[in-house]
Amino acid sequence: MTTCGHLDQVQDVTADSAEGCTDCLAIGSRWVHLRMCLSCGHVACCDSSPNRHATAHSGASGHPLIRSVEPGESWRWCYVDQALV
């Protein structure tokens, strides 16, 4: 794994949705996999999903870190460093 200088932005957050991608649910779209922002808890869809809401959220908010919320997965990703952390 690569060193990430953004781990100080990880907060003790709760997912803002247990139902799926918050943004896809709002527009009636679908998703493939879910990610959660580690700065604010926003749940959004992955880059394999049609709308790529997790990446869009990171770009709009400046929040660099996400984690997978898929069952059995525990990895985290930094958009800024383009690395698993």
Protein backbone atom coordinates (compact mmCIF):
# COMPACT_ATOMS: atom_id res chain seq x y z
CA MET A 1 0.00 0.00 0.00
CA THR A 2 1.06 3.55 -0.68
CA THR A 3 1.51 6.13 2.03
CA CYS A 4 -1.38 8.59 2.14
CA GLY A 5 -1.16 12.04 3.67
CA HIS A 6 -4.93 12.34 4.02
CA LEU A 7 -5.66 9.85 6.79
CA ASP A 8 -6.08 12.77 9.20
CA GLN A 9 -9.34 13.56 7.36
CA VAL A 10 -10.97 10.27 8.40
CA GLN A 11 -13.87 10.99 10.73
CA ASP A 12 -16.04 8.79 12.93
CA VAL A 13 -19.01 8.86 10.55
CA THR A 14 -22.21 6.92 10.04
CA ALA A 15 -23.39 5.99 6.57
CA ASP A 16 -26.06 8.39 5.33
CA SER A 17 -27.93 5.53 3.62
CA ALA A 18 -28.47 1.87 4.34
CA GLU A 19 -30.58 1.51 1.19
CA GLY A 20 -27.94 2.19 -1.49
CA CYS A 21 -26.33 5.05 -3.37
CA THR A 22 -27.96 8.20 -2.03
CA ASP A 23 -27.61 10.00 -5.36
CA CYS A 24 -28.87 7.10 -7.50
CA LEU A 25 -31.86 6.66 -5.22
CA ALA A 26 -32.70 10.35 -5.70
CA ILE A 27 -32.71 10.05 -9.51
CA GLY A 28 -34.05 6.51 -9.83
CA SER A 29 -30.82 5.10 -11.22
CA ARG A 30 -28.93 1.89 -10.50
CA TRP A 31 -25.47 1.14 -9.11
CA VAL A 32 -22.95 -1.71 -9.13
CA HIS A 33 -21.02 -1.35 -5.85
CA LEU A 34 -21.21 1.08 -2.94
CA ARG A 35 -18.57 3.29 -1.34
CA MET A 36 -18.73 5.48 1.78
CA CYS A 37 -16.95 8.79 2.20
CA LEU A 38 -14.74 8.64 5.30
CA SER A 39 -15.07 12.39 5.88
CA CYS A 40 -18.86 12.71 5.95
CA GLY A 41 -20.47 9.25 5.57
CA HIS A 42 -22.01 9.89 2.15
CA VAL A 43 -22.83 6.56 0.45
CA ALA A 44 -22.36 6.62 -3.31
CA CYS A 45 -21.76 4.31 -6.25
CA CYS A 46 -18.43 3.13 -7.63
CA ASP A 47 -16.74 3.94 -10.93
CA SER A 48 -18.19 0.76 -12.48
CA SER A 49 -21.65 2.25 -11.95
CA PRO A 50 -23.20 4.44 -14.67
CA ASN A 51 -23.09 7.67 -12.65
CA ARG A 52 -19.83 7.29 -10.67
CA HIS A 53 -21.28 9.24 -7.74
CA ALA A 54 -18.48 8.44 -5.25
CA THR A 55 -15.87 10.02 -7.53
CA ALA A 56 -18.18 12.97 -8.19
CA HIS A 57 -18.69 13.45 -4.45
CA SER A 58 -14.95 13.47 -3.83
CA GLY A 59 -14.39 16.03 -6.57
CA ALA A 60 -17.20 18.33 -5.43
CA SER A 61 -16.54 18.08 -1.70
CA GLY A 62 -12.77 17.70 -1.63
CA HIS A 63 -13.16 14.63 0.57
CA PRO A 64 -10.30 12.33 -0.48
CA LEU A 65 -11.01 8.98 1.19
CA ILE A 66 -13.65 6.30 0.69
CA ARG A 67 -14.11 2.74 1.83
CA SER A 68 -16.01 -0.11 0.30
CA VAL A 69 -19.31 -0.91 1.98
CA GLU A 70 -19.65 -4.20 0.13
CA PRO A 71 -19.99 -7.28 2.36
CA GLY A 72 -16.61 -8.86 3.10
CA GLU A 73 -14.58 -5.89 1.83
CA SER A 74 -12.60 -3.57 4.08
CA TRP A 75 -10.33 -1.65 1.72
CA ARG A 76 -9.99 2.14 1.59
CA TRP A 77 -9.03 4.36 -1.36
CA CYS A 78 -7.53 7.85 -1.58
CA TYR A 79 -8.62 9.77 -4.67
CA VAL A 80 -5.83 12.33 -4.28
CA ASP A 81 -3.01 9.79 -4.02
CA GLN A 82 -4.78 7.27 -6.31
CA ALA A 83 -3.89 4.53 -3.86
CA LEU A 84 -5.25 1.92 -1.50
CA VAL A 85 -4.64 2.96 2.10
